[in-house]
Amino acid sequence: MEPLRQFGVDIYKNSLLEGSIYGVARTFTLIEKVISDILRPHNLTPAKFNAMMVIKHKGRDEGISQIEIGRHLVVTASNMTRLIDKLEKEGFIERLNLKGDRRVNLVKISQKGSDLLDQLWPGYYRKIQELAKLLNQGELSQLAHVLEKWCAKLSKSNFDNRV
């Protein structure tokens, strides 16, 4: 775990617990940087891109509520509002009142947003595959299994409600 030594973590001297937590965090940071580099020329962040993907593919033609978007992205309501405000200002999404309940906004992808996602997807997906292929199939399977198991246990222990 040479990359973690720069943070003072040596999993052979220190705890595997530290190595696991720092390893996941460092891996996320490295992957997010690669993704950010792809999206930056289009004035998108990973958060904006992910929100637009949820809006397009979960909301489809009907739209999706901001609360539901937040559940898919695991963000706070205030962060979601700011993100949606930015996407609307940039013309990537539209807000519509829910028929019969003006308190609820539905969010839909705009044509501009949909076109941008369609344009970005092939390169984005190619890069994700490239990153994943740094591990072999067995390692990917193990990683997916362990992360799924960890997420399930974190959810059951209610840690995700405190973040």
N, C-alpha and C. Protein backbone atom coordinates (compact mmCIF):
# COMPACT_ATOMS: atom_id res chain seq x y z
N MET A 1 0.83 -1.19 0.00
CA MET A 1 0.00 0.00 0.00
C MET A 1 0.87 1.26 0.00
N GLU A 2 1.80 1.30 -0.90
CA GLU A 2 2.73 2.42 -1.02
C GLU A 2 2.01 3.78 -1.10
N PRO A 3 0.92 3.93 -1.87
CA PRO A 3 0.26 5.24 -1.96
C PRO A 3 -0.22 5.77 -0.62
N LEU A 4 -0.50 4.90 0.33
CA LEU A 4 -0.99 5.36 1.63
C LEU A 4 0.13 5.83 2.55
N ARG A 5 1.35 5.45 2.24
CA ARG A 5 2.48 5.87 3.09
C ARG A 5 2.63 7.39 3.10
N GLN A 6 2.23 8.05 2.01
CA GLN A 6 2.33 9.51 1.98
C GLN A 6 1.43 10.14 3.04
N PHE A 7 0.44 9.40 3.55
CA PHE A 7 -0.44 9.88 4.61
C PHE A 7 -0.02 9.35 5.97
N GLY A 8 1.12 8.67 6.00
CA GLY A 8 1.60 8.11 7.25
C GLY A 8 0.95 6.79 7.61
N VAL A 9 0.32 6.14 6.65
CA VAL A 9 -0.35 4.87 6.92
C VAL A 9 0.47 3.74 6.29
N ASP A 10 0.91 2.84 7.14
CA ASP A 10 1.61 1.64 6.69
C ASP A 10 0.81 0.48 7.25
N ILE A 11 0.05 -0.20 6.38
CA ILE A 11 -0.86 -1.23 6.88
C ILE A 11 -0.11 -2.40 7.51
N TYR A 12 1.18 -2.49 7.27
CA TYR A 12 1.93 -3.58 7.89
C TYR A 12 2.35 -3.21 9.30
N LYS A 13 2.47 -1.92 9.58
CA LYS A 13 2.82 -1.46 10.92
C LYS A 13 1.57 -1.02 11.67
N ASN A 14 0.66 -0.35 10.97
CA ASN A 14 -0.55 0.17 11.58
C ASN A 14 -1.70 -0.82 11.42
N SER A 15 -2.82 -0.39 11.76
CA SER A 15 -4.01 -1.22 11.73
C SER A 15 -4.54 -1.42 10.32
N LEU A 16 -5.06 -2.60 10.05
CA LEU A 16 -5.76 -2.84 8.79
C LEU A 16 -6.98 -1.94 8.67
N LEU A 17 -7.54 -1.56 9.83
CA LEU A 17 -8.69 -0.66 9.82
C LEU A 17 -8.33 0.66 9.15
N GLU A 18 -7.20 1.25 9.57
CA GLU A 18 -6.75 2.49 8.95
C GLU A 18 -6.49 2.31 7.47
N GLY A 19 -5.80 1.23 7.13
CA GLY A 19 -5.49 0.97 5.73
C GLY A 19 -6.74 0.84 4.88
N SER A 20 -7.77 0.20 5.42
CA SER A 20 -9.02 0.03 4.68
C SER A 20 -9.71 1.36 4.45
N ILE A 21 -9.86 2.13 5.51
CA ILE A 21 -10.56 3.42 5.39
C ILE A 21 -9.79 4.38 4.50
N TYR A 22 -8.51 4.54 4.74
CA TYR A 22 -7.71 5.44 3.91
C TYR A 22 -7.61 4.93 2.48
N GLY A 23 -7.55 3.62 2.31
CA GLY A 23 -7.48 3.04 0.97
C GLY A 23 -8.72 3.35 0.15
N VAL A 24 -9.89 3.18 0.76
CA VAL A 24 -11.14 3.49 0.06
C VAL A 24 -11.20 4.99 -0.26
N ALA A 25 -10.86 5.81 0.72
CA ALA A 25 -10.91 7.27 0.51
C ALA A 25 -9.92 7.71 -0.58
N ARG A 26 -8.72 7.18 -0.54
CA ARG A 26 -7.70 7.56 -1.54
C ARG A 26 -8.09 7.07 -2.93
N THR A 27 -8.63 5.87 -3.02
CA THR A 27 -9.08 5.34 -4.30
C THR A 27 -10.19 6.21 -4.87
N PHE A 28 -11.14 6.58 -4.02
CA PHE A 28 -12.23 7.47 -4.45
C PHE A 28 -11.66 8.79 -4.98
N THR A 29 -10.72 9.37 -4.25
CA THR A 29 -10.13 10.65 -4.65
C THR A 29 -9.44 10.54 -6.01
N LEU A 30 -8.69 9.47 -6.22
CA LEU A 30 -7.99 9.29 -7.49
C LEU A 30 -8.97 9.11 -8.65
N ILE A 31 -10.01 8.30 -8.43
CA ILE A 31 -11.01 8.08 -9.48
C ILE A 31 -11.77 9.37 -9.76
N GLU A 32 -12.13 10.09 -8.70
CA GLU A 32 -12.87 11.35 -8.89
C GLU A 32 -12.04 12.37 -9.67
N LYS A 33 -10.73 12.39 -9.47
CA LYS A 33 -9.88 13.32 -10.22
C LYS A 33 -9.91 12.98 -11.71
N VAL A 34 -9.82 11.71 -12.04
CA VAL A 34 -9.86 11.29 -13.45
C VAL A 34 -11.20 11.69 -14.08
N ILE A 35 -12.29 11.42 -13.36
CA ILE A 35 -13.63 11.76 -13.86
C ILE A 35 -13.77 13.27 -13.99
N SER A 36 -13.29 14.02 -13.00
CA SER A 36 -13.37 15.48 -13.04
C SER A 36 -12.66 16.04 -14.26
N ASP A 37 -11.52 15.45 -14.60
CA ASP A 37 -10.76 15.92 -15.76
C ASP A 37 -11.56 15.73 -17.06
N ILE A 38 -12.37 14.67 -17.13
CA ILE A 38 -13.20 14.43 -18.31
C ILE A 38 -14.34 15.45 -18.38
N LEU A 39 -14.92 15.77 -17.24
CA LEU A 39 -16.12 16.60 -17.18
C LEU A 39 -15.83 18.10 -17.19
N ARG A 40 -14.68 18.50 -16.67
CA ARG A 40 -14.34 19.92 -16.50
C ARG A 40 -14.50 20.75 -17.78
N PRO A 41 -14.07 20.28 -18.95
CA PRO A 41 -14.22 21.10 -20.16
C PRO A 41 -15.68 21.42 -20.50
N HIS A 42 -16.62 20.69 -19.90
CA HIS A 42 -18.04 20.90 -20.16
C HIS A 42 -18.72 21.60 -18.99
N ASN A 43 -17.91 22.18 -18.10
CA ASN A 43 -18.40 22.90 -16.93
C ASN A 43 -19.25 21.99 -16.03
N LEU A 44 -18.86 20.73 -15.94
CA LEU A 44 -19.56 19.79 -15.08
C LEU A 44 -18.62 19.27 -14.01
N THR A 45 -19.19 18.96 -12.86
CA THR A 45 -18.49 18.26 -11.79
C THR A 45 -19.07 16.85 -11.72
N PRO A 46 -18.40 15.94 -11.04
CA PRO A 46 -19.00 14.61 -10.88
C PRO A 46 -20.39 14.68 -10.23
N ALA A 47 -20.58 15.58 -9.28
CA ALA A 47 -21.89 15.71 -8.63
C ALA A 47 -22.96 16.16 -9.63
N LYS A 48 -22.64 17.14 -10.46
CA LYS A 48 -23.60 17.60 -11.47
C LYS A 48 -23.91 16.49 -12.47
N PHE A 49 -22.86 15.81 -12.92
CA PHE A 49 -23.03 14.73 -13.88
C PHE A 49 -23.91 13.62 -13.31
N ASN A 50 -23.61 13.20 -12.08
CA ASN A 50 -24.39 12.14 -11.45
C ASN A 50 -25.84 12.55 -11.26
N ALA A 51 -26.07 13.79 -10.84
CA ALA A 51 -27.44 14.28 -10.67
C ALA A 51 -28.17 14.26 -12.01
N MET A 52 -27.52 14.72 -13.06
CA MET A 52 -28.14 14.73 -14.39
C MET A 52 -28.46 13.31 -14.85
N MET A 53 -27.57 12.36 -14.56
CA MET A 53 -27.81 10.96 -14.94
C MET A 53 -29.04 10.41 -14.20
N VAL A 54 -29.15 10.71 -12.92
CA VAL A 54 -30.32 10.26 -12.15
C VAL A 54 -31.59 10.90 -12.70
N ILE A 55 -31.52 12.20 -12.97
CA ILE A 55 -32.70 12.91 -13.48
C ILE A 55 -33.12 12.34 -14.83
N LYS A 56 -32.15 12.10 -15.70
CA LYS A 56 -32.47 11.58 -17.03
C LYS A 56 -33.00 10.15 -16.98
N HIS A 57 -32.33 9.30 -16.23
CA HIS A 57 -32.64 7.87 -16.30
C HIS A 57 -33.65 7.40 -15.26
N LYS A 58 -33.76 8.07 -14.14
CA LYS A 58 -34.76 7.71 -13.14
C LYS A 58 -36.02 8.55 -13.32
N GLY A 59 -35.84 9.81 -13.69
CA GLY A 59 -36.98 10.70 -13.86
C GLY A 59 -37.70 10.52 -15.18
N ARG A 60 -36.94 10.11 -16.17
CA ARG A 60 -37.46 9.91 -17.52
C ARG A 60 -38.36 11.07 -17.94
N ASP A 61 -39.48 10.78 -18.58
CA ASP A 61 -40.37 11.82 -19.09
C ASP A 61 -41.21 12.47 -17.99
N GLU A 62 -41.47 11.74 -16.91
CA GLU A 62 -42.34 12.24 -15.85
C GLU A 62 -41.64 13.23 -14.93
N GLY A 63 -40.34 13.10 -14.77
CA GLY A 63 -39.60 13.91 -13.82
C GLY A 63 -39.41 13.15 -12.52
N ILE A 64 -38.61 13.71 -11.64
CA ILE A 64 -38.28 13.08 -10.36
C ILE A 64 -38.18 14.19 -9.32
N SER A 65 -38.61 13.90 -8.11
CA SER A 65 -38.56 14.92 -7.05
C SER A 65 -37.13 15.11 -6.58
N GLN A 66 -36.87 16.31 -6.03
CA GLN A 66 -35.54 16.58 -5.49
C GLN A 66 -35.20 15.62 -4.36
N ILE A 67 -36.18 15.26 -3.57
CA ILE A 67 -35.94 14.32 -2.46
C ILE A 67 -35.47 12.98 -3.01
N GLU A 68 -36.12 12.52 -4.07
CA GLU A 68 -35.75 11.24 -4.67
C GLU A 68 -34.35 11.31 -5.29
N ILE A 69 -34.02 12.42 -5.92
CA ILE A 69 -32.67 12.59 -6.47
C ILE A 69 -31.66 12.48 -5.34
N GLY A 70 -31.93 13.17 -4.23
CA GLY A 70 -31.05 13.14 -3.08
C GLY A 70 -30.85 11.74 -2.53
N ARG A 71 -31.90 10.92 -2.55
CA ARG A 71 -31.77 9.53 -2.08
C ARG A 71 -30.83 8.74 -2.96
N HIS A 72 -30.89 8.97 -4.25
CA HIS A 72 -30.01 8.24 -5.17
C HIS A 72 -28.56 8.70 -5.05
N LEU A 73 -28.38 9.96 -4.70
CA LEU A 73 -27.03 10.52 -4.63
C LEU A 73 -26.48 10.59 -3.21
N VAL A 74 -27.30 10.38 -2.22
CA VAL A 74 -26.94 10.45 -0.81
C VAL A 74 -26.32 11.82 -0.49
N VAL A 75 -27.13 12.86 -0.65
CA VAL A 75 -26.70 14.21 -0.30
C VAL A 75 -27.76 14.87 0.57
N THR A 76 -27.36 15.92 1.27
CA THR A 76 -28.31 16.63 2.12
C THR A 76 -29.26 17.46 1.26
N ALA A 77 -30.40 17.82 1.85
CA ALA A 77 -31.40 18.61 1.12
C ALA A 77 -30.84 19.95 0.68
N SER A 78 -30.04 20.60 1.54
CA SER A 78 -29.50 21.91 1.16
C SER A 78 -28.50 21.79 0.02
N ASN A 79 -27.66 20.75 0.05
CA ASN A 79 -26.73 20.53 -1.05
C ASN A 79 -27.48 20.23 -2.34
N MET A 80 -28.55 19.44 -2.23
CA MET A 80 -29.34 19.10 -3.41
C MET A 80 -29.97 20.35 -4.01
N THR A 81 -30.51 21.23 -3.18
CA THR A 81 -31.12 22.45 -3.68
C THR A 81 -30.11 23.30 -4.43
N ARG A 82 -28.92 23.47 -3.87
CA ARG A 82 -27.88 24.26 -4.54
C ARG A 82 -27.48 23.62 -5.87
N LEU A 83 -27.35 22.31 -5.88
CA LEU A 83 -26.96 21.59 -7.10
C LEU A 83 -28.04 21.75 -8.17
N ILE A 84 -29.28 21.59 -7.80
CA ILE A 84 -30.40 21.72 -8.75
C ILE A 84 -30.49 23.16 -9.25
N ASP A 85 -30.29 24.12 -8.36
CA ASP A 85 -30.29 25.54 -8.78
C ASP A 85 -29.25 25.80 -9.85
N LYS A 86 -28.04 25.27 -9.65
CA LYS A 86 -26.96 25.45 -10.63
C LYS A 86 -27.30 24.81 -11.96
N LEU A 87 -27.79 23.57 -11.91
CA LEU A 87 -28.13 22.86 -13.14
C LEU A 87 -29.26 23.56 -13.90
N GLU A 88 -30.21 24.11 -13.17
CA GLU A 88 -31.31 24.84 -13.81
C GLU A 88 -30.79 26.14 -14.45
N LYS A 89 -29.95 26.86 -13.72
CA LYS A 89 -29.38 28.11 -14.22
C LYS A 89 -28.58 27.88 -15.51
N GLU A 90 -27.89 26.74 -15.58
CA GLU A 90 -27.08 26.40 -16.74
C GLU A 90 -27.90 25.79 -17.88
N GLY A 91 -29.19 25.59 -17.64
CA GLY A 91 -30.08 25.08 -18.68
C GLY A 91 -30.04 23.57 -18.89
N PHE A 92 -29.47 22.84 -17.92
CA PHE A 92 -29.36 21.39 -18.07
C PHE A 92 -30.61 20.64 -17.58
N ILE A 93 -31.38 21.29 -16.71
CA ILE A 93 -32.59 20.66 -16.18
C ILE A 93 -33.72 21.69 -16.13
N GLU A 94 -34.94 21.22 -15.92
CA GLU A 94 -36.11 22.08 -15.75
C GLU A 94 -36.83 21.65 -14.49
N ARG A 95 -37.41 22.63 -13.79
CA ARG A 95 -38.25 22.33 -12.62
C ARG A 95 -39.70 22.54 -13.01
N LEU A 96 -40.53 21.62 -12.59
CA LEU A 96 -41.96 21.71 -12.85
C LEU A 96 -42.71 21.48 -11.55
N ASN A 97 -43.82 22.19 -11.36
CA ASN A 97 -44.66 21.92 -10.19
C ASN A 97 -45.41 20.62 -10.39
N LEU A 98 -45.52 19.85 -9.33
CA LEU A 98 -46.29 18.61 -9.38
C LEU A 98 -47.77 18.99 -9.47
N LYS A 99 -48.44 18.44 -10.44
CA LYS A 99 -49.85 18.73 -10.63
C LYS A 99 -50.61 18.36 -9.36
N GLY A 100 -51.36 19.30 -8.82
CA GLY A 100 -52.14 19.05 -7.62
C GLY A 100 -51.41 19.33 -6.32
N ASP A 101 -50.09 19.56 -6.36
CA ASP A 101 -49.33 19.86 -5.14
C ASP A 101 -48.17 20.78 -5.49
N ARG A 102 -48.40 22.08 -5.39
CA ARG A 102 -47.38 23.06 -5.79
C ARG A 102 -46.17 23.08 -4.87
N ARG A 103 -46.26 22.38 -3.73
CA ARG A 103 -45.12 22.35 -2.81
C ARG A 103 -44.01 21.44 -3.32
N VAL A 104 -44.36 20.55 -4.23
CA VAL A 104 -43.39 19.56 -4.73
C VAL A 104 -42.96 19.94 -6.14
N ASN A 105 -41.65 20.03 -6.33
CA ASN A 105 -41.09 20.26 -7.66
C ASN A 105 -40.64 18.93 -8.25
N LEU A 106 -40.97 18.74 -9.50
CA LEU A 106 -40.40 17.62 -10.24
C LEU A 106 -39.28 18.19 -11.10
N VAL A 107 -38.25 17.43 -11.27
CA VAL A 107 -37.09 17.86 -12.04
C VAL A 107 -36.97 16.96 -13.26
N LYS A 108 -36.80 17.59 -14.42
CA LYS A 108 -36.63 16.85 -15.67
C LYS A 108 -35.37 17.32 -16.36
N ILE A 109 -34.76 16.43 -17.10
CA ILE A 109 -33.59 16.80 -17.89
C ILE A 109 -34.07 17.63 -19.07
N SER A 110 -33.33 18.66 -19.41
CA SER A 110 -33.66 19.47 -20.59
C SER A 110 -33.04 18.82 -21.82
N GLN A 111 -33.42 19.28 -22.97
CA GLN A 111 -32.82 18.75 -24.20
C GLN A 111 -31.31 19.02 -24.21
N LYS A 112 -30.93 20.23 -23.75
CA LYS A 112 -29.50 20.58 -23.68
C LYS A 112 -28.75 19.61 -22.76
N GLY A 113 -29.34 19.31 -21.60
CA GLY A 113 -28.71 18.38 -20.66
C GLY A 113 -28.63 16.98 -21.21
N SER A 114 -29.71 16.53 -21.83
CA SER A 114 -29.76 15.18 -22.41
C SER A 114 -28.72 15.05 -23.53
N ASP A 115 -28.64 16.06 -24.38
CA ASP A 115 -27.67 16.03 -25.47
C ASP A 115 -26.23 15.97 -24.94
N LEU A 116 -25.96 16.74 -23.88
CA LEU A 116 -24.62 16.74 -23.30
C LEU A 116 -24.28 15.37 -22.71
N LEU A 117 -25.22 14.77 -21.99
CA LEU A 117 -24.98 13.44 -21.43
C LEU A 117 -24.71 12.43 -22.54
N ASP A 118 -25.51 12.50 -23.60
CA ASP A 118 -25.31 11.58 -24.73
C ASP A 118 -23.93 11.77 -25.37
N GLN A 119 -23.48 13.01 -25.42
CA GLN A 119 -22.17 13.31 -25.99
C GLN A 119 -21.04 12.80 -25.08
N LEU A 120 -21.20 12.97 -23.78
CA LEU A 120 -20.15 12.60 -22.83
C LEU A 120 -20.08 11.11 -22.52
N TRP A 121 -21.21 10.42 -22.61
CA TRP A 121 -21.27 9.05 -22.13
C TRP A 121 -20.22 8.11 -22.73
N PRO A 122 -20.01 8.08 -24.05
CA PRO A 122 -19.04 7.11 -24.58
C PRO A 122 -17.64 7.27 -23.99
N GLY A 123 -17.13 8.50 -23.90
CA GLY A 123 -15.80 8.73 -23.34
C GLY A 123 -15.76 8.45 -21.85
N TYR A 124 -16.81 8.84 -21.16
CA TYR A 124 -16.91 8.59 -19.72
C TYR A 124 -16.89 7.09 -19.45
N TYR A 125 -17.72 6.36 -20.16
CA TYR A 125 -17.83 4.92 -19.95
C TYR A 125 -16.52 4.21 -20.30
N ARG A 126 -15.88 4.65 -21.37
CA ARG A 126 -14.59 4.08 -21.77
C ARG A 126 -13.56 4.28 -20.64
N LYS A 127 -13.56 5.46 -20.03
CA LYS A 127 -12.61 5.75 -18.95
C LYS A 127 -12.91 4.91 -17.72
N ILE A 128 -14.18 4.73 -17.39
CA ILE A 128 -14.57 3.89 -16.25
C ILE A 128 -14.10 2.45 -16.47
N GLN A 129 -14.29 1.97 -17.70
CA GLN A 129 -13.83 0.60 -18.02
C GLN A 129 -12.31 0.50 -17.87
N GLU A 130 -11.62 1.52 -18.37
CA GLU A 130 -10.15 1.54 -18.29
C GLU A 130 -9.70 1.49 -16.82
N LEU A 131 -10.35 2.26 -15.97
CA LEU A 131 -10.00 2.27 -14.55
C LEU A 131 -10.28 0.91 -13.91
N ALA A 132 -11.43 0.33 -14.22
CA ALA A 132 -11.80 -0.96 -13.64
C ALA A 132 -10.86 -2.06 -14.10
N LYS A 133 -10.39 -1.99 -15.35
CA LYS A 133 -9.54 -3.04 -15.89
C LYS A 133 -8.12 -3.03 -15.30
N LEU A 134 -7.85 -2.09 -14.40
CA LEU A 134 -6.58 -2.13 -13.67
C LEU A 134 -6.57 -3.32 -12.71
N LEU A 135 -7.76 -3.83 -12.42
CA LEU A 135 -7.91 -5.05 -11.61
C LEU A 135 -8.39 -6.17 -12.52
N ASN A 136 -8.06 -7.41 -12.17
CA ASN A 136 -8.57 -8.53 -12.96
C ASN A 136 -10.01 -8.85 -12.52
N GLN A 137 -10.66 -9.76 -13.25
CA GLN A 137 -12.07 -10.08 -12.98
C GLN A 137 -12.28 -10.60 -11.55
N GLY A 138 -11.38 -11.43 -11.09
CA GLY A 138 -11.48 -11.96 -9.73
C GLY A 138 -11.39 -10.85 -8.68
N GLU A 139 -10.44 -9.94 -8.89
CA GLU A 139 -10.28 -8.82 -7.95
C GLU A 139 -11.51 -7.91 -7.97
N LEU A 140 -12.03 -7.65 -9.17
CA LEU A 140 -13.24 -6.82 -9.28
C LEU A 140 -14.43 -7.47 -8.59
N SER A 141 -14.56 -8.77 -8.75
CA SER A 141 -15.65 -9.50 -8.11
C SER A 141 -15.52 -9.43 -6.59
N GLN A 142 -14.32 -9.66 -6.10
CA GLN A 142 -14.08 -9.58 -4.65
C GLN A 142 -14.38 -8.19 -4.13
N LEU A 143 -13.88 -7.18 -4.84
CA LEU A 143 -14.07 -5.79 -4.41
C LEU A 143 -15.56 -5.44 -4.38
N ALA A 144 -16.28 -5.79 -5.42
CA ALA A 144 -17.71 -5.50 -5.47
C ALA A 144 -18.44 -6.18 -4.32
N HIS A 145 -18.09 -7.44 -4.05
CA HIS A 145 -18.73 -8.18 -2.97
C HIS A 145 -18.43 -7.54 -1.61
N VAL A 146 -17.19 -7.22 -1.36
CA VAL A 146 -16.80 -6.63 -0.07
C VAL A 146 -17.45 -5.25 0.11
N LEU A 147 -17.43 -4.43 -0.92
CA LEU A 147 -18.03 -3.09 -0.79
C LEU A 147 -19.54 -3.17 -0.60
N GLU A 148 -20.19 -4.10 -1.30
CA GLU A 148 -21.63 -4.27 -1.13
C GLU A 148 -21.95 -4.71 0.31
N LYS A 149 -21.17 -5.63 0.81
CA LYS A 149 -21.35 -6.13 2.17
C LYS A 149 -21.12 -5.01 3.19
N TRP A 150 -20.08 -4.22 2.98
CA TRP A 150 -19.75 -3.13 3.89
C TRP A 150 -20.85 -2.07 3.87
N CYS A 151 -21.31 -1.71 2.67
CA CYS A 151 -22.39 -0.73 2.55
C CYS A 151 -23.65 -1.21 3.27
N ALA A 152 -24.00 -2.46 3.11
CA ALA A 152 -25.19 -3.01 3.77
C ALA A 152 -25.04 -2.92 5.29
N LYS A 153 -23.88 -3.26 5.79
CA LYS A 153 -23.66 -3.20 7.24
C LYS A 153 -23.66 -1.76 7.75
N LEU A 154 -23.07 -0.84 6.99
CA LEU A 154 -23.10 0.56 7.39
C LEU A 154 -24.53 1.09 7.41
N SER A 155 -25.32 0.71 6.42
CA SER A 155 -26.71 1.15 6.36
C SER A 155 -27.51 0.61 7.54
N LYS A 156 -27.32 -0.66 7.86
CA LYS A 156 -28.03 -1.28 8.99
C LYS A 156 -27.64 -0.64 10.31
N SER A 157 -26.39 -0.20 10.43
CA SER A 157 -25.93 0.38 11.69
C SER A 157 -26.29 1.86 11.78
N ASN A 158 -26.95 2.37 10.73
CA ASN A 158 -27.49 3.73 10.72
C ASN A 158 -26.41 4.82 10.63
N PHE A 159 -25.20 4.46 10.21
CA PHE A 159 -24.16 5.47 10.04
C PHE A 159 -24.51 6.47 8.94
N ASP A 160 -25.19 5.99 7.88
CA ASP A 160 -25.49 6.87 6.74
C ASP A 160 -26.46 7.98 7.11
N ASN A 161 -27.21 7.86 8.19
CA ASN A 161 -28.13 8.91 8.60
C ASN A 161 -27.44 10.01 9.40
N ARG A 162 -26.20 9.77 9.78
CA ARG A 162 -25.46 10.76 10.56
C ARG A 162 -24.52 11.59 9.72
N VAL A 163 -24.35 11.20 8.47
CA VAL A 163 -23.40 11.90 7.59
C VAL A 163 -24.06 13.10 6.96
